[in-house]
Amino acid sequence: MTRKILAAIVSITFIITILSFRKELPPGSPRFAIKTIIVDAGHGGSDVGARGDYSFEKDICLGVALKLGKLLEGEFKNVRIVYTRTSDTYPAIKERADFANAQKGDLFVSIHVNAAPQIRHSKFAGYRKETYYTGKGKSRKKKTRNVPKYTTFFTANPSHGTETYIWAADRSSANGGYVSERLSEVVDESDEFAPDINDPVFKAQSLLWTKRYFNKSLLLANLVEEEFIRDGMESRGVKQRNEKGIWVLQATAMPSILVETGFITHRPDEDYLNSRKGQEAIAANVLNAIKRYRVSTESK
């Protein structure tokens, strides 16, 4: 009994130590100090992503991601910049998340391009004759009537501008599982007092970390959109999303954002996103946001 009590005390002490962000945490523990940034270029390879009039999302994502990584490398000499891809390849979504977690990332920044479907219109185009029948048997009669006729056409969707996504708050329990796994790596697996990631208490404590990750993600996302606005870009704000494409944010045990850099289906946006000037400006805006984020989080 004494041994079990001792084990419980050590386990709880370990958790409290982690959650207090003390400096004596061993290397690899998920502190908010930025040591590794994961830069993720969305899509790639056979997955071209959204399509514009003349370009694919995958190519824009890679161009912006590489420019962002280069700027980060120049700005943060003591920070490791890691890429999920640097060429036209397609790492699966789960593979990207597993890679980011294995690299002990402190920030995950995924670059994407938005798209919106064309708008469908119907226009009255007069009347047409329609044949119909009334009655049955010998009483059946053929008749005609005029019915309205419409033509259908499509126009480009005017949606444009930037959006930055974070994982939805109602997914905290899902993200907490990945955080638990990462927290358990802080100690040696051979330690008999190491916390069990399946233990309800430890899972509950990991949700506290998940909440902190959510808040940090929200902070960075807001800073990114602020930088876009400062640069004169149209911002659609910070959003949460549950549907396909955001799962990678749920599975990364670190503050994480997904930046929709513009609408490839909006021709002015598409032209800007494909230009060197546009890609460099977007990369610079995200860099400035990360610089402000670092000052805000590491000064506390």
C-alpha atoms as a PDB file:
ATOM      1  CA  MET A   1       0.000   0.000   0.000  1.00  0.00           C
ATOM      2  CA  THR A   2       2.823   2.374   0.905  1.00  0.00           C
ATOM      3  CA  ARG A   3       4.475   1.735  -2.439  1.00  0.00           C
ATOM      4  CA  LYS A   4       1.258   2.570  -4.293  1.00  0.00           C
ATOM      5  CA  ILE A   5       0.834   5.785  -2.339  1.00  0.00           C
ATOM      6  CA  LEU A   6       4.425   6.757  -3.056  1.00  0.00           C
ATOM      7  CA  ALA A   7       3.936   6.053  -6.760  1.00  0.00           C
ATOM      8  CA  ALA A   8       0.808   8.200  -6.802  1.00  0.00           C
ATOM      9  CA  ILE A   9       2.582  11.078  -5.054  1.00  0.00           C
ATOM     10  CA  VAL A  10       5.507  10.935  -7.499  1.00  0.00           C
ATOM     11  CA  SER A  11       3.148  10.807 -10.468  1.00  0.00           C
ATOM     12  CA  ILE A  12       1.128  13.808  -9.271  1.00  0.00           C
ATOM     13  CA  THR A  13       4.312  15.738  -8.469  1.00  0.00           C
ATOM     14  CA  PHE A  14       5.549  15.031 -11.983  1.00  0.00           C
ATOM     15  CA  ILE A  15       2.359  16.375 -13.522  1.00  0.00           C
ATOM     16  CA  ILE A  16       2.380  19.516 -11.401  1.00  0.00           C
ATOM     17  CA  THR A  17       6.003  20.118 -12.345  1.00  0.00           C
ATOM     18  CA  ILE A  18       5.159  19.874 -16.044  1.00  0.00           C
ATOM     19  CA  LEU A  19       2.194  22.164 -15.756  1.00  0.00           C
ATOM     20  CA  SER A  20       4.132  24.820 -13.870  1.00  0.00           C
ATOM     21  CA  PHE A  21       6.575  25.355 -16.804  1.00  0.00           C
ATOM     22  CA  ARG A  22       9.583  25.203 -14.513  1.00  0.00           C
ATOM     23  CA  LYS A  23      12.968  25.740 -16.104  1.00  0.00           C
ATOM     24  CA  GLU A  24      14.359  22.472 -14.815  1.00  0.00           C
ATOM     25  CA  LEU A  25      12.160  20.430 -17.162  1.00  0.00           C
ATOM     26  CA  PRO A  26      14.344  18.108 -19.242  1.00  0.00           C
ATOM     27  CA  PRO A  27      14.932  18.773 -22.963  1.00  0.00           C
ATOM     28  CA  GLY A  28      12.011  17.836 -25.166  1.00  0.00           C
ATOM     29  CA  SER A  29       9.299  18.837 -22.703  1.00  0.00           C
ATOM     30  CA  PRO A  30       6.543  20.903 -24.358  1.00  0.00           C
ATOM     31  CA  ARG A  31       7.322  24.358 -23.033  1.00  0.00           C
ATOM     32  CA  PHE A  32       6.233  27.509 -24.810  1.00  0.00           C
ATOM     33  CA  ALA A  33       9.825  28.536 -25.529  1.00  0.00           C
ATOM     34  CA  ILE A  34      10.232  28.183 -29.288  1.00  0.00           C
ATOM     35  CA  LYS A  35      13.018  25.809 -30.210  1.00  0.00           C
ATOM     36  CA  THR A  36      11.475  24.077 -33.238  1.00  0.00           C
ATOM     37  CA  ILE A  37       9.005  25.390 -35.812  1.00  0.00           C
ATOM     38  CA  ILE A  38       7.295  23.001 -38.220  1.00  0.00           C
ATOM     39  CA  VAL A  39       6.452  24.563 -41.600  1.00  0.00           C
ATOM     40  CA  ASP A  40       3.870  22.554 -43.525  1.00  0.00           C
ATOM     41  CA  ALA A  41       3.171  23.121 -47.223  1.00  0.00           C
ATOM     42  CA  GLY A  42      -0.318  21.761 -47.834  1.00  0.00           C
ATOM     43  CA  HIS A  43      -1.164  19.088 -50.411  1.00  0.00           C
ATOM     44  CA  GLY A  44       1.538  18.069 -52.912  1.00  0.00           C
ATOM     45  CA  GLY A  45       2.237  15.282 -55.402  1.00  0.00           C
ATOM     46  CA  SER A  46      -0.935  13.739 -56.805  1.00  0.00           C
ATOM     47  CA  ASP A  47      -2.999  15.851 -54.393  1.00  0.00           C
ATOM     48  CA  VAL A  48      -3.095  19.173 -56.240  1.00  0.00           C
ATOM     49  CA  GLY A  49      -5.557  20.788 -53.814  1.00  0.00           C
ATOM     50  CA  ALA A  50      -7.795  23.573 -55.073  1.00  0.00           C
ATOM     51  CA  ARG A  51      -7.627  24.647 -58.717  1.00  0.00           C
ATOM     52  CA  GLY A  52      -7.651  28.150 -60.121  1.00  0.00           C
ATOM     53  CA  ASP A  53      -7.844  29.421 -63.679  1.00  0.00           C
ATOM     54  CA  TYR A  54      -4.257  28.405 -64.324  1.00  0.00           C
ATOM     55  CA  SER A  55      -2.637  27.146 -61.118  1.00  0.00           C
ATOM     56  CA  PHE A  56      -2.823  24.521 -58.371  1.00  0.00           C
ATOM     57  CA  GLU A  57      -2.938  25.041 -54.638  1.00  0.00           C
ATOM     58  CA  LYS A  58      -0.062  22.608 -53.995  1.00  0.00           C
ATOM     59  CA  ASP A  59       2.418  24.779 -55.908  1.00  0.00           C
ATOM     60  CA  ILE A  60       1.447  28.006 -54.160  1.00  0.00           C
ATOM     61  CA  CYS A  61       1.638  26.304 -50.759  1.00  0.00           C
ATOM     62  CA  LEU A  62       5.149  25.064 -51.426  1.00  0.00           C
ATOM     63  CA  GLY A  63       6.326  28.432 -52.728  1.00  0.00           C
ATOM     64  CA  VAL A  64       5.056  30.330 -49.686  1.00  0.00           C
ATOM     65  CA  ALA A  65       6.231  27.661 -47.208  1.00  0.00           C
ATOM     66  CA  LEU A  66       9.781  27.647 -48.548  1.00  0.00           C
ATOM     67  CA  LYS A  67       9.956  31.438 -48.478  1.00  0.00           C
ATOM     68  CA  LEU A  68       8.586  31.479 -44.932  1.00  0.00           C
ATOM     69  CA  GLY A  69      11.095  28.862 -43.817  1.00  0.00           C
ATOM     70  CA  LYS A  70      13.985  30.837 -45.277  1.00  0.00           C
ATOM     71  CA  LEU A  71      12.854  33.981 -43.465  1.00  0.00           C
ATOM     72  CA  LEU A  72      12.495  32.064 -40.200  1.00  0.00           C
ATOM     73  CA  GLU A  73      15.969  30.588 -40.578  1.00  0.00           C
ATOM     74  CA  GLY A  74      17.398  34.057 -41.068  1.00  0.00           C
ATOM     75  CA  GLU A  75      15.482  35.621 -38.182  1.00  0.00           C
ATOM     76  CA  PHE A  76      15.774  32.889 -35.543  1.00  0.00           C
ATOM     77  CA  LYS A  77      19.341  31.613 -35.563  1.00  0.00           C
ATOM     78  CA  ASN A  78      18.799  29.383 -32.530  1.00  0.00           C
ATOM     79  CA  VAL A  79      15.490  27.921 -33.675  1.00  0.00           C
ATOM     80  CA  ARG A  80      15.302  24.748 -35.740  1.00  0.00           C
ATOM     81  CA  ILE A  81      13.072  25.085 -38.813  1.00  0.00           C
ATOM     82  CA  VAL A  82      11.681  21.781 -40.062  1.00  0.00           C
ATOM     83  CA  TYR A  83       9.617  21.220 -43.221  1.00  0.00           C
ATOM     84  CA  THR A  84       6.999  18.535 -43.843  1.00  0.00           C
ATOM     85  CA  ARG A  85       7.923  18.724 -47.531  1.00  0.00           C
ATOM     86  CA  THR A  86      10.354  20.716 -49.665  1.00  0.00           C
ATOM     87  CA  SER A  87       9.374  19.372 -53.079  1.00  0.00           C
ATOM     88  CA  ASP A  88       6.332  18.168 -54.996  1.00  0.00           C
ATOM     89  CA  THR A  89       5.623  15.165 -52.759  1.00  0.00           C
ATOM     90  CA  TYR A  90       2.578  14.227 -50.719  1.00  0.00           C
ATOM     91  CA  PRO A  91       3.065  13.281 -47.074  1.00  0.00           C
ATOM     92  CA  ALA A  92      -0.243  11.925 -45.763  1.00  0.00           C
ATOM     93  CA  ILE A  93      -2.040  14.061 -43.183  1.00  0.00           C
ATOM     94  CA  LYS A  94      -1.369  11.626 -40.336  1.00  0.00           C
ATOM     95  CA  GLU A  95       2.252  11.386 -41.432  1.00  0.00           C
ATOM     96  CA  ARG A  96       2.602  15.165 -41.179  1.00  0.00           C
ATOM     97  CA  ALA A  97       1.186  15.209 -37.648  1.00  0.00           C
ATOM     98  CA  ASP A  98       3.309  12.248 -36.524  1.00  0.00           C
ATOM     99  CA  PHE A  99       6.383  13.915 -38.015  1.00  0.00           C
ATOM    100  CA  ALA A 100       5.667  17.218 -36.253  1.00  0.00           C
ATOM    101  CA  ASN A 101       5.218  15.459 -32.909  1.00  0.00           C
ATOM    102  CA  ALA A 102       8.345  13.350 -33.385  1.00  0.00           C
ATOM    103  CA  GLN A 103      10.324  16.523 -34.109  1.00  0.00           C
ATOM    104  CA  LYS A 104       9.116  17.979 -30.774  1.00  0.00           C
ATOM    105  CA  GLY A 105       7.752  21.048 -32.546  1.00  0.00           C
ATOM    106  CA  ASP A 106       6.852  24.133 -30.533  1.00  0.00           C
ATOM    107  CA  LEU A 107       4.814  25.651 -33.370  1.00  0.00           C
ATOM    108  CA  PHE A 108       3.057  24.112 -36.368  1.00  0.00           C
ATOM    109  CA  VAL A 109       2.268  26.447 -39.274  1.00  0.00           C
ATOM    110  CA  SER A 110       0.417  24.950 -42.222  1.00  0.00           C
ATOM    111  CA  ILE A 111       0.166  26.932 -45.471  1.00  0.00           C
ATOM    112  CA  HIS A 112      -2.902  26.496 -47.667  1.00  0.00           C
ATOM    113  CA  VAL A 113      -4.959  28.267 -50.315  1.00  0.00           C
ATOM    114  CA  ASN A 114      -8.710  28.714 -50.150  1.00  0.00           C
ATOM    115  CA  ALA A 115     -11.364  28.102 -52.813  1.00  0.00           C
ATOM    116  CA  ALA A 116     -15.045  28.840 -53.287  1.00  0.00           C
ATOM    117  CA  PRO A 117     -17.500  27.221 -55.736  1.00  0.00           C
ATOM    118  CA  GLN A 118     -18.919  29.165 -58.661  1.00  0.00           C
ATOM    119  CA  ILE A 119     -22.286  30.792 -58.060  1.00  0.00           C
ATOM    120  CA  ARG A 120     -25.217  29.225 -59.926  1.00  0.00           C
ATOM    121  CA  HIS A 121     -27.798  31.521 -61.496  1.00  0.00           C
ATOM    122  CA  SER A 122     -31.158  30.865 -63.189  1.00  0.00           C
ATOM    123  CA  LYS A 123     -32.654  33.335 -65.662  1.00  0.00           C
ATOM    124  CA  PHE A 124     -36.193  33.380 -67.028  1.00  0.00           C
ATOM    125  CA  ALA A 125     -36.083  32.647 -70.763  1.00  0.00           C
ATOM    126  CA  GLY A 126     -39.742  32.658 -71.772  1.00  0.00           C
ATOM    127  CA  TYR A 127     -42.202  29.783 -72.032  1.00  0.00           C
ATOM    128  CA  ARG A 128     -42.292  26.392 -73.630  1.00  0.00           C
ATOM    129  CA  LYS A 129     -45.162  24.106 -74.623  1.00  0.00           C
ATOM    130  CA  GLU A 130     -45.741  21.146 -72.341  1.00  0.00           C
ATOM    131  CA  THR A 131     -48.020  18.244 -73.222  1.00  0.00           C
ATOM    132  CA  TYR A 132     -50.111  16.568 -70.544  1.00  0.00           C
ATOM    133  CA  TYR A 133     -53.168  14.315 -70.303  1.00  0.00           C
ATOM    134  CA  THR A 134     -56.368  14.364 -68.302  1.00  0.00           C
ATOM    135  CA  GLY A 135     -58.908  11.647 -67.630  1.00  0.00           C
ATOM    136  CA  LYS A 136     -58.699   7.895 -68.159  1.00  0.00           C
ATOM    137  CA  GLY A 137     -59.727   5.406 -70.800  1.00  0.00           C
ATOM    138  CA  LYS A 138     -62.058   6.842 -73.453  1.00  0.00           C
ATOM    139  CA  SER A 139     -62.186  10.097 -71.492  1.00  0.00           C
ATOM    140  CA  ARG A 140     -58.425  10.588 -71.707  1.00  0.00           C
ATOM    141  CA  LYS A 141     -57.587  13.830 -73.505  1.00  0.00           C
ATOM    142  CA  LYS A 142     -54.352  15.392 -74.655  1.00  0.00           C
ATOM    143  CA  LYS A 143     -53.726  18.999 -73.743  1.00  0.00           C
ATOM    144  CA  THR A 144     -50.932  21.564 -73.851  1.00  0.00           C
ATOM    145  CA  ARG A 145     -49.918  24.366 -71.578  1.00  0.00           C
ATOM    146  CA  ASN A 146     -47.249  27.012 -71.318  1.00  0.00           C
ATOM    147  CA  VAL A 147     -44.623  26.527 -68.630  1.00  0.00           C
ATOM    148  CA  PRO A 148     -41.773  28.893 -67.729  1.00  0.00           C
ATOM    149  CA  LYS A 149     -38.341  28.143 -69.139  1.00  0.00           C
ATOM    150  CA  TYR A 150     -35.021  29.048 -67.473  1.00  0.00           C
ATOM    151  CA  THR A 151     -31.408  29.069 -68.510  1.00  0.00           C
ATOM    152  CA  THR A 152     -28.643  28.282 -66.030  1.00  0.00           C
ATOM    153  CA  PHE A 153     -25.252  29.955 -65.918  1.00  0.00           C
ATOM    154  CA  PHE A 154     -22.402  30.340 -63.458  1.00  0.00           C
ATOM    155  CA  THR A 155     -20.294  33.284 -62.353  1.00  0.00           C
ATOM    156  CA  ALA A 156     -17.065  33.459 -60.370  1.00  0.00           C
ATOM    157  CA  ASN A 157     -17.412  33.492 -56.617  1.00  0.00           C
ATOM    158  CA  PRO A 158     -16.356  36.888 -55.235  1.00  0.00           C
ATOM    159  CA  SER A 159     -14.993  35.373 -52.008  1.00  0.00           C
ATOM    160  CA  HIS A 160     -11.438  36.546 -51.458  1.00  0.00           C
ATOM    161  CA  GLY A 161      -8.958  37.351 -48.719  1.00  0.00           C
ATOM    162  CA  THR A 162      -7.172  35.463 -45.977  1.00  0.00           C
ATOM    163  CA  GLU A 163      -8.401  33.229 -43.169  1.00  0.00           C
ATOM    164  CA  THR A 164      -6.466  31.527 -40.399  1.00  0.00           C
ATOM    165  CA  TYR A 165      -7.860  28.378 -38.803  1.00  0.00           C
ATOM    166  CA  ILE A 166      -7.309  26.732 -35.453  1.00  0.00           C
ATOM    167  CA  TRP A 167      -8.653  23.411 -34.254  1.00  0.00           C
ATOM    168  CA  ALA A 168     -12.186  23.651 -32.903  1.00  0.00           C
ATOM    169  CA  ALA A 169     -12.625  24.043 -29.156  1.00  0.00           C
ATOM    170  CA  ASP A 170     -15.051  21.108 -29.029  1.00  0.00           C
ATOM    171  CA  ARG A 171     -12.236  18.812 -30.163  1.00  0.00           C
ATOM    172  CA  SER A 172     -10.205  19.323 -26.998  1.00  0.00           C
ATOM    173  CA  SER A 173     -10.626  15.717 -25.873  1.00  0.00           C
ATOM    174  CA  ALA A 174      -9.258  14.425 -29.179  1.00  0.00           C
ATOM    175  CA  ASN A 175      -6.253  16.704 -29.097  1.00  0.00           C
ATOM    176  CA  GLY A 176      -5.677  15.863 -25.448  1.00  0.00           C
ATOM    177  CA  GLY A 177      -4.773  12.291 -26.386  1.00  0.00           C
ATOM    178  CA  TYR A 178      -1.841  13.453 -28.484  1.00  0.00           C
ATOM    179  CA  VAL A 179      -0.751  15.863 -25.760  1.00  0.00           C
ATOM    180  CA  SER A 180      -0.808  13.028 -23.208  1.00  0.00           C
ATOM    181  CA  GLU A 181       1.466  10.928 -25.373  1.00  0.00           C
ATOM    182  CA  ARG A 182       3.931  13.756 -25.746  1.00  0.00           C
ATOM    183  CA  LEU A 183       3.947  14.598 -22.037  1.00  0.00           C
ATOM    184  CA  SER A 184       4.699  10.974 -21.208  1.00  0.00           C
ATOM    185  CA  GLU A 185       7.934  11.217 -23.203  1.00  0.00           C
ATOM    186  CA  VAL A 186       9.385  13.664 -20.676  1.00  0.00           C
ATOM    187  CA  VAL A 187      10.449  10.808 -18.406  1.00  0.00           C
ATOM    188  CA  ASP A 188      12.333   7.582 -19.037  1.00  0.00           C
ATOM    189  CA  GLU A 189       9.958   4.754 -19.928  1.00  0.00           C
ATOM    190  CA  SER A 190      11.921   2.457 -17.605  1.00  0.00           C
ATOM    191  CA  ASP A 191      10.970   4.604 -14.602  1.00  0.00           C
ATOM    192  CA  GLU A 192       8.515   2.542 -12.554  1.00  0.00           C
ATOM    193  CA  PHE A 193       6.863   5.748 -11.378  1.00  0.00           C
ATOM    194  CA  ALA A 194       6.353   7.121 -14.897  1.00  0.00           C
ATOM    195  CA  PRO A 195       2.723   8.250 -15.403  1.00  0.00           C
ATOM    196  CA  ASP A 196       0.384   5.997 -17.356  1.00  0.00           C
ATOM    197  CA  ILE A 197      -1.046   7.936 -20.313  1.00  0.00           C
ATOM    198  CA  ASN A 198      -4.236   5.887 -19.995  1.00  0.00           C
ATOM    199  CA  ASP A 199      -4.704   6.938 -16.382  1.00  0.00           C
ATOM    200  CA  PRO A 200      -7.825   9.157 -16.049  1.00  0.00           C
ATOM    201  CA  VAL A 201      -6.017  11.638 -13.802  1.00  0.00           C
ATOM    202  CA  PHE A 202      -3.161  12.039 -16.251  1.00  0.00           C
ATOM    203  CA  LYS A 203      -5.612  12.440 -19.141  1.00  0.00           C
ATOM    204  CA  ALA A 204      -7.451  15.140 -17.225  1.00  0.00           C
ATOM    205  CA  GLN A 205      -4.205  16.985 -16.545  1.00  0.00           C
ATOM    206  CA  SER A 206      -3.214  16.766 -20.201  1.00  0.00           C
ATOM    207  CA  LEU A 207      -6.402  18.615 -21.102  1.00  0.00           C
ATOM    208  CA  LEU A 208      -4.996  21.597 -19.220  1.00  0.00           C
ATOM    209  CA  TRP A 209      -2.091  21.579 -21.652  1.00  0.00           C
ATOM    210  CA  THR A 210      -4.537  21.224 -24.516  1.00  0.00           C
ATOM    211  CA  LYS A 211      -6.339  24.359 -23.341  1.00  0.00           C
ATOM    212  CA  ARG A 212      -3.013  26.216 -23.274  1.00  0.00           C
ATOM    213  CA  TYR A 213      -2.233  25.000 -26.788  1.00  0.00           C
ATOM    214  CA  PHE A 214      -5.645  26.219 -27.927  1.00  0.00           C
ATOM    215  CA  ASN A 215      -5.060  29.663 -26.421  1.00  0.00           C
ATOM    216  CA  LYS A 216      -1.595  29.908 -27.948  1.00  0.00           C
ATOM    217  CA  SER A 217      -2.945  28.825 -31.329  1.00  0.00           C
ATOM    218  CA  LEU A 218      -5.649  31.480 -31.115  1.00  0.00           C
ATOM    219  CA  LEU A 219      -3.067  34.118 -30.192  1.00  0.00           C
ATOM    220  CA  LEU A 220      -0.840  33.299 -33.158  1.00  0.00           C
ATOM    221  CA  ALA A 221      -3.789  33.093 -35.562  1.00  0.00           C
ATOM    222  CA  ASN A 222      -4.972  36.551 -34.540  1.00  0.00           C
ATOM    223  CA  LEU A 223      -1.472  37.963 -34.950  1.00  0.00           C
ATOM    224  CA  VAL A 224      -1.215  36.492 -38.457  1.00  0.00           C
ATOM    225  CA  GLU A 225      -4.483  38.091 -39.537  1.00  0.00           C
ATOM    226  CA  GLU A 226      -3.424  41.393 -37.958  1.00  0.00           C
ATOM    227  CA  GLU A 227      -0.263  41.355 -40.056  1.00  0.00           C
ATOM    228  CA  PHE A 228      -2.265  40.685 -43.219  1.00  0.00           C
ATOM    229  CA  ILE A 229      -4.501  43.645 -42.413  1.00  0.00           C
ATOM    230  CA  ARG A 230      -1.483  45.884 -41.774  1.00  0.00           C
ATOM    231  CA  ASP A 231      -0.211  44.935 -45.209  1.00  0.00           C
ATOM    232  CA  GLY A 232      -3.471  45.988 -46.823  1.00  0.00           C
ATOM    233  CA  MET A 233      -4.842  42.510 -47.441  1.00  0.00           C
ATOM    234  CA  GLU A 234      -8.476  41.546 -47.009  1.00  0.00           C
ATOM    235  CA  SER A 235      -8.877  39.472 -43.846  1.00  0.00           C
ATOM    236  CA  ARG A 236     -11.820  37.178 -43.180  1.00  0.00           C
ATOM    237  CA  GLY A 237     -10.618  36.642 -39.633  1.00  0.00           C
ATOM    238  CA  VAL A 238      -9.740  33.695 -37.413  1.00  0.00           C
ATOM    239  CA  LYS A 239     -11.999  30.663 -37.563  1.00  0.00           C
ATOM    240  CA  GLN A 240     -12.461  27.225 -36.085  1.00  0.00           C
ATOM    241  CA  ARG A 241     -13.305  24.288 -38.262  1.00  0.00           C
ATOM    242  CA  ASN A 242     -14.128  20.613 -37.772  1.00  0.00           C
ATOM    243  CA  GLU A 243     -14.375  19.284 -41.286  1.00  0.00           C
ATOM    244  CA  LYS A 244     -11.791  17.508 -43.413  1.00  0.00           C
ATOM    245  CA  GLY A 245      -8.503  19.310 -43.846  1.00  0.00           C
ATOM    246  CA  ILE A 246      -8.154  20.516 -40.276  1.00  0.00           C
ATOM    247  CA  TRP A 247      -7.492  17.122 -38.682  1.00  0.00           C
ATOM    248  CA  VAL A 248      -3.752  17.771 -38.763  1.00  0.00           C
ATOM    249  CA  LEU A 249      -4.292  20.599 -36.257  1.00  0.00           C
ATOM    250  CA  GLN A 250      -6.106  18.205 -33.927  1.00  0.00           C
ATOM    251  CA  ALA A 251      -3.250  15.719 -33.976  1.00  0.00           C
ATOM    252  CA  THR A 252      -0.287  18.013 -33.370  1.00  0.00           C
ATOM    253  CA  ALA A 253       0.699  18.330 -29.713  1.00  0.00           C
ATOM    254  CA  MET A 254       1.748  21.968 -29.965  1.00  0.00           C
ATOM    255  CA  PRO A 255       0.195  25.352 -30.812  1.00  0.00           C
ATOM    256  CA  SER A 256      -0.841  25.033 -34.438  1.00  0.00           C
ATOM    257  CA  ILE A 257      -2.506  27.107 -37.148  1.00  0.00           C
ATOM    258  CA  LEU A 258      -3.566  26.661 -40.754  1.00  0.00           C
ATOM    259  CA  VAL A 259      -3.233  29.792 -42.895  1.00  0.00           C
ATOM    260  CA  GLU A 260      -5.509  30.162 -45.916  1.00  0.00           C
ATOM    261  CA  THR A 261      -3.450  32.706 -47.834  1.00  0.00           C
ATOM    262  CA  GLY A 262      -6.132  33.711 -50.334  1.00  0.00           C
ATOM    263  CA  PHE A 263      -8.731  32.342 -52.770  1.00  0.00           C
ATOM    264  CA  ILE A 264      -7.344  30.641 -55.828  1.00  0.00           C
ATOM    265  CA  THR A 265     -10.844  30.881 -57.338  1.00  0.00           C
ATOM    266  CA  HIS A 266     -10.707  34.703 -57.182  1.00  0.00           C
ATOM    267  CA  ARG A 267      -8.589  35.840 -60.119  1.00  0.00           C
ATOM    268  CA  PRO A 268      -6.933  38.851 -58.393  1.00  0.00           C
ATOM    269  CA  ASP A 269      -6.065  36.612 -55.428  1.00  0.00           C
ATOM    270  CA  GLU A 270      -4.785  33.880 -57.733  1.00  0.00           C
ATOM    271  CA  ASP A 271      -2.515  36.325 -59.546  1.00  0.00           C
ATOM    272  CA  TYR A 272      -1.157  37.644 -56.244  1.00  0.00           C
ATOM    273  CA  LEU A 273      -0.635  34.167 -54.809  1.00  0.00           C
ATOM    274  CA  ASN A 274       1.341  33.086 -57.864  1.00  0.00           C
ATOM    275  CA  SER A 275       3.542  36.183 -57.942  1.00  0.00           C
ATOM    276  CA  ARG A 276       6.919  36.344 -56.261  1.00  0.00           C
ATOM    277  CA  LYS A 277       5.923  39.629 -54.643  1.00  0.00           C
ATOM    278  CA  GLY A 278       2.751  38.136 -53.208  1.00  0.00           C
ATOM    279  CA  GLN A 279       4.410  35.011 -51.835  1.00  0.00           C
ATOM    280  CA  GLU A 280       7.215  37.005 -50.249  1.00  0.00           C
ATOM    281  CA  ALA A 281       4.735  39.420 -48.669  1.00  0.00           C
ATOM    282  CA  ILE A 282       2.641  36.585 -47.238  1.00  0.00           C
ATOM    283  CA  ALA A 283       5.746  34.881 -45.849  1.00  0.00           C
ATOM    284  CA  ALA A 284       6.909  38.162 -44.296  1.00  0.00           C
ATOM    285  CA  ASN A 285       3.508  38.707 -42.677  1.00  0.00           C
ATOM    286  CA  VAL A 286       3.535  35.257 -41.071  1.00  0.00           C
ATOM    287  CA  LEU A 287       7.137  35.812 -39.937  1.00  0.00           C
ATOM    288  CA  ASN A 288       6.198  39.103 -38.256  1.00  0.00           C
ATOM    289  CA  ALA A 289       3.296  37.383 -36.504  1.00  0.00           C
ATOM    290  CA  ILE A 290       5.592  34.651 -35.173  1.00  0.00           C
ATOM    291  CA  LYS A 291       8.073  37.278 -33.962  1.00  0.00           C
ATOM    292  CA  ARG A 292       5.319  39.039 -32.040  1.00  0.00           C
ATOM    293  CA  TYR A 293       4.046  35.696 -30.733  1.00  0.00           C
ATOM    294  CA  ARG A 294       7.505  34.784 -29.480  1.00  0.00           C
ATOM    295  CA  VAL A 295       7.910  38.073 -27.629  1.00  0.00           C
ATOM    296  CA  SER A 296       4.447  37.702 -26.097  1.00  0.00           C
ATOM    297  CA  THR A 297       4.832  34.106 -24.932  1.00  0.00           C
ATOM    298  CA  GLU A 298       8.498  33.963 -23.948  1.00  0.00           C
ATOM    299  CA  SER A 299       8.404  37.157 -21.915  1.00  0.00           C
ATOM    300  CA  LYS A 300       5.838  35.714 -19.546  1.00  0.00           C
END
